[in-house]
Amino acid sequence: MRRKNPWWFILILILLMPLSGCDTSRQSSRSSLSDNGRFMDLWSTYTNCYRSEDLDAMRTDTQQLSRHTHDQLR
């Protein structure tokens, strides 16, 4: 039984790798920046809640943190 030459398949993969690699690298840097911004916003909300003496403000901050947590778990 003769084994087929996989060179054409390897050539196609080599040609497609740079195209897909460049696209995903740009998206990951953008998403990490937005993730960092979201984290800092949530950290600010947590700090505000922790330091606040106003129960209504604490309740609002807690609800915002809870909503974000539930959104992340989906």
C-alpha atoms as a PDB file:
ATOM      1  CA  MET A   1       0.000   0.000   0.000  1.00  0.00           C
ATOM      2  CA  ARG A   2       1.411   3.356  -1.022  1.00  0.00           C
ATOM      3  CA  ARG A   3       1.497   6.160   1.525  1.00  0.00           C
ATOM      4  CA  LYS A   4       0.217   9.537   0.286  1.00  0.00           C
ATOM      5  CA  ASN A   5       2.587  12.464   0.371  1.00  0.00           C
ATOM      6  CA  PRO A   6       1.366  15.013   2.970  1.00  0.00           C
ATOM      7  CA  TRP A   7       3.423  17.908   1.564  1.00  0.00           C
ATOM      8  CA  TRP A   8       0.425  19.743   0.111  1.00  0.00           C
ATOM      9  CA  PHE A   9      -1.350  19.589   3.470  1.00  0.00           C
ATOM     10  CA  ILE A  10       1.732  20.872   5.330  1.00  0.00           C
ATOM     11  CA  LEU A  11       2.139  23.694   2.793  1.00  0.00           C
ATOM     12  CA  ILE A  12      -1.466  24.822   3.316  1.00  0.00           C
ATOM     13  CA  LEU A  13      -1.020  24.809   7.086  1.00  0.00           C
ATOM     14  CA  ILE A  14       2.193  26.813   6.833  1.00  0.00           C
ATOM     15  CA  LEU A  15       0.469  29.413   4.641  1.00  0.00           C
ATOM     16  CA  LEU A  16      -2.549  29.722   6.947  1.00  0.00           C
ATOM     17  CA  MET A  17      -0.671  29.959  10.259  1.00  0.00           C
ATOM     18  CA  PRO A  18       0.603  33.551   9.836  1.00  0.00           C
ATOM     19  CA  LEU A  19      -2.816  34.779   8.790  1.00  0.00           C
ATOM     20  CA  SER A  20      -4.600  33.364  11.805  1.00  0.00           C
ATOM     21  CA  GLY A  21      -1.732  34.086  14.200  1.00  0.00           C
ATOM     22  CA  CYS A  22      -1.565  37.793  13.396  1.00  0.00           C
ATOM     23  CA  ASP A  23      -5.298  38.235  13.791  1.00  0.00           C
ATOM     24  CA  THR A  24      -5.518  36.547  17.183  1.00  0.00           C
ATOM     25  CA  SER A  25      -2.479  38.371  18.575  1.00  0.00           C
ATOM     26  CA  ARG A  26      -4.085  41.771  17.953  1.00  0.00           C
ATOM     27  CA  GLN A  27      -7.353  40.724  19.555  1.00  0.00           C
ATOM     28  CA  SER A  28      -5.688  39.321  22.662  1.00  0.00           C
ATOM     29  CA  SER A  29      -3.804  42.563  23.382  1.00  0.00           C
ATOM     30  CA  ARG A  30      -7.005  44.564  23.019  1.00  0.00           C
ATOM     31  CA  SER A  31      -8.989  42.210  25.209  1.00  0.00           C
ATOM     32  CA  SER A  32      -6.328  42.210  27.924  1.00  0.00           C
ATOM     33  CA  LEU A  33      -6.424  46.018  28.006  1.00  0.00           C
ATOM     34  CA  SER A  34     -10.193  46.045  28.329  1.00  0.00           C
ATOM     35  CA  ASP A  35     -10.035  43.274  30.959  1.00  0.00           C
ATOM     36  CA  ASN A  36      -7.538  45.352  32.917  1.00  0.00           C
ATOM     37  CA  GLY A  37      -9.805  48.394  32.689  1.00  0.00           C
ATOM     38  CA  ARG A  38     -12.816  46.383  33.853  1.00  0.00           C
ATOM     39  CA  PHE A  39     -10.822  44.977  36.758  1.00  0.00           C
ATOM     40  CA  MET A  40      -9.743  48.438  37.849  1.00  0.00           C
ATOM     41  CA  ASP A  41     -13.359  49.662  37.660  1.00  0.00           C
ATOM     42  CA  LEU A  42     -14.503  46.756  39.809  1.00  0.00           C
ATOM     43  CA  TRP A  43     -11.642  47.283  42.238  1.00  0.00           C
ATOM     44  CA  SER A  44     -12.679  50.919  42.581  1.00  0.00           C
ATOM     45  CA  THR A  45     -16.276  49.838  43.213  1.00  0.00           C
ATOM     46  CA  TYR A  46     -15.112  47.337  45.852  1.00  0.00           C
ATOM     47  CA  THR A  47     -12.911  49.937  47.569  1.00  0.00           C
ATOM     48  CA  ASN A  48     -15.740  52.457  47.544  1.00  0.00           C
ATOM     49  CA  CYS A  49     -18.088  49.873  49.063  1.00  0.00           C
ATOM     50  CA  TYR A  50     -15.532  48.875  51.694  1.00  0.00           C
ATOM     51  CA  ARG A  51     -14.862  52.440  52.822  1.00  0.00           C
ATOM     52  CA  SER A  52     -18.404  53.777  52.561  1.00  0.00           C
ATOM     53  CA  GLU A  53     -20.616  54.435  55.556  1.00  0.00           C
ATOM     54  CA  ASP A  54     -23.727  55.054  53.439  1.00  0.00           C
ATOM     55  CA  LEU A  55     -25.846  51.887  53.347  1.00  0.00           C
ATOM     56  CA  ASP A  56     -27.554  52.798  50.068  1.00  0.00           C
ATOM     57  CA  ALA A  57     -24.204  53.368  48.353  1.00  0.00           C
ATOM     58  CA  MET A  58     -22.913  50.071  49.760  1.00  0.00           C
ATOM     59  CA  ARG A  59     -26.027  48.262  48.506  1.00  0.00           C
ATOM     60  CA  THR A  60     -25.607  49.749  45.019  1.00  0.00           C
ATOM     61  CA  ASP A  61     -21.918  48.800  44.879  1.00  0.00           C
ATOM     62  CA  THR A  62     -22.670  45.286  46.123  1.00  0.00           C
ATOM     63  CA  GLN A  63     -25.335  44.807  43.463  1.00  0.00           C
ATOM     64  CA  GLN A  64     -22.938  45.973  40.751  1.00  0.00           C
ATOM     65  CA  LEU A  65     -20.221  43.581  41.931  1.00  0.00           C
ATOM     66  CA  SER A  66     -22.727  40.731  42.168  1.00  0.00           C
ATOM     67  CA  ARG A  67     -24.059  41.396  38.647  1.00  0.00           C
ATOM     68  CA  HIS A  68     -20.545  41.365  37.214  1.00  0.00           C
ATOM     69  CA  THR A  69     -19.711  38.127  39.030  1.00  0.00           C
ATOM     70  CA  HIS A  70     -22.811  36.414  37.678  1.00  0.00           C
ATOM     71  CA  ASP A  71     -22.036  37.655  34.153  1.00  0.00           C
ATOM     72  CA  GLN A  72     -18.520  36.186  34.370  1.00  0.00           C
ATOM     73  CA  LEU A  73     -19.783  32.797  35.506  1.00  0.00           C
ATOM     74  CA  ARG A  74     -22.076  32.399  32.489  1.00  0.00           C
END
